[in-house]
Amino acid sequence: MPHDGDHASPETPADLSHAGAIVDKAIEYMTGQNLSPLSVASALLGGSLGLLARTMSDEAIVQVLQNAMSSVRSGELRAEYGPHQGTSGHA
């Protein structure tokens, strides 16, 4: 699930890398405004789900979410972003 422009692989579309860089800047801005990581992540997830709902079928959204859960369960997400940093992440 990498999205950082510095880590773009050959199969990563250019617009995905660009969008990822913009999201990274938005996250940096929001955390600079002293918003909690959970609030920032929840707002981004809510916005993402809204965009998916406007542009994809429910089955396609379920597949996207299953892919995300698989990334967490397999350790791929943790390998990309490092160990848990001790902030409360319970929703």
Protein backbone atom coordinates (compact mmCIF):
# COMPACT_ATOMS: atom_id res chain seq x y z
CA MET A 1 0.00 0.00 0.00
CA PRO A 2 2.90 2.39 -0.49
CA HIS A 3 1.97 5.77 -1.82
CA ASP A 4 5.05 7.89 -1.22
CA GLY A 5 6.46 9.28 -4.44
CA ASP A 6 9.98 8.33 -3.31
CA HIS A 7 8.97 4.67 -3.13
CA ALA A 8 6.98 4.39 -6.35
CA SER A 9 7.49 1.09 -8.08
CA PRO A 10 7.32 0.71 -11.86
CA GLU A 11 3.73 -0.57 -11.63
CA THR A 12 2.56 2.35 -9.45
CA PRO A 13 0.55 4.82 -11.53
CA ALA A 14 1.97 8.35 -11.49
CA ASP A 15 -1.32 9.79 -10.24
CA LEU A 16 -1.27 7.41 -7.25
CA SER A 17 2.18 8.63 -6.26
CA HIS A 18 1.06 12.23 -6.73
CA ALA A 19 -2.13 11.71 -4.69
CA GLY A 20 -0.10 9.98 -1.97
CA ALA A 21 2.30 12.90 -1.75
CA ILE A 22 -0.62 15.31 -1.38
CA VAL A 23 -2.17 13.15 1.36
CA ASP A 24 1.18 13.02 3.17
CA LYS A 25 1.29 16.85 3.15
CA ALA A 26 -2.31 17.01 4.42
CA ILE A 27 -1.43 14.63 7.26
CA GLU A 28 1.64 16.71 8.09
CA TYR A 29 -0.51 19.86 8.17
CA MET A 30 -3.24 18.31 10.35
CA THR A 31 -0.78 16.84 12.86
CA GLY A 32 0.92 20.26 12.92
CA GLN A 33 -2.45 21.65 13.99
CA ASN A 34 -2.26 19.30 17.01
CA LEU A 35 -5.07 17.07 15.79
CA SER A 36 -4.83 13.56 17.21
CA PRO A 37 -3.61 10.80 14.91
CA LEU A 38 -6.92 8.97 15.37
CA SER A 39 -8.90 12.09 14.36
CA VAL A 40 -6.71 12.63 11.30
CA ALA A 41 -6.92 8.99 10.23
CA SER A 42 -10.67 8.83 10.85
CA ALA A 43 -11.28 11.96 8.79
CA LEU A 44 -9.14 10.66 5.93
CA LEU A 45 -10.78 7.24 6.05
CA GLY A 46 -14.25 8.80 6.09
CA GLY A 47 -13.39 10.97 3.11
CA SER A 48 -11.89 8.01 1.29
CA LEU A 49 -14.96 5.88 1.88
CA GLY A 50 -17.17 8.70 0.65
CA LEU A 51 -15.14 8.99 -2.55
CA LEU A 52 -15.28 5.22 -3.06
CA ALA A 53 -19.05 5.24 -2.49
CA ARG A 54 -19.48 7.90 -5.19
CA THR A 55 -17.28 6.10 -7.71
CA MET A 56 -17.45 2.33 -7.12
CA SER A 57 -19.90 -0.48 -6.52
CA ASP A 58 -20.34 -1.84 -3.01
CA GLU A 59 -18.62 -5.09 -4.03
CA ALA A 60 -15.60 -3.16 -5.34
CA ILE A 61 -15.43 -1.19 -2.06
CA VAL A 62 -15.54 -4.46 -0.09
CA GLN A 63 -12.62 -5.75 -2.18
CA VAL A 64 -10.59 -2.59 -1.49
CA LEU A 65 -11.25 -2.96 2.23
CA GLN A 66 -10.41 -6.67 2.18
CA ASN A 67 -7.12 -5.87 0.46
CA ALA A 68 -6.36 -3.32 3.18
CA MET A 69 -7.18 -5.83 5.94
CA SER A 70 -4.99 -8.45 4.24
CA SER A 71 -2.13 -5.95 4.23
CA VAL A 72 -2.51 -5.46 7.98
CA ARG A 73 -2.85 -9.18 8.74
CA SER A 74 0.14 -10.17 6.60
CA GLY A 75 2.42 -7.62 8.26
CA GLU A 76 2.91 -5.71 5.00
CA LEU A 77 1.54 -2.47 6.48
CA ARG A 78 3.75 -2.69 9.58
CA ALA A 79 6.79 -3.52 7.43
CA GLU A 80 6.16 -0.38 5.35
CA TYR A 81 5.51 2.05 8.21
CA GLY A 82 7.33 0.57 11.19
CA PRO A 83 6.33 -0.46 14.69
CA HIS A 84 3.36 0.90 16.63
CA GLN A 85 4.40 4.12 18.36
CA GLY A 86 2.27 3.80 21.47
CA THR A 87 -0.51 6.25 20.62
CA SER A 88 -4.05 5.11 21.30
CA GLY A 89 -5.40 3.72 18.07
CA HIS A 90 -8.61 2.15 19.24
CA ALA A 91 -11.66 3.32 17.36
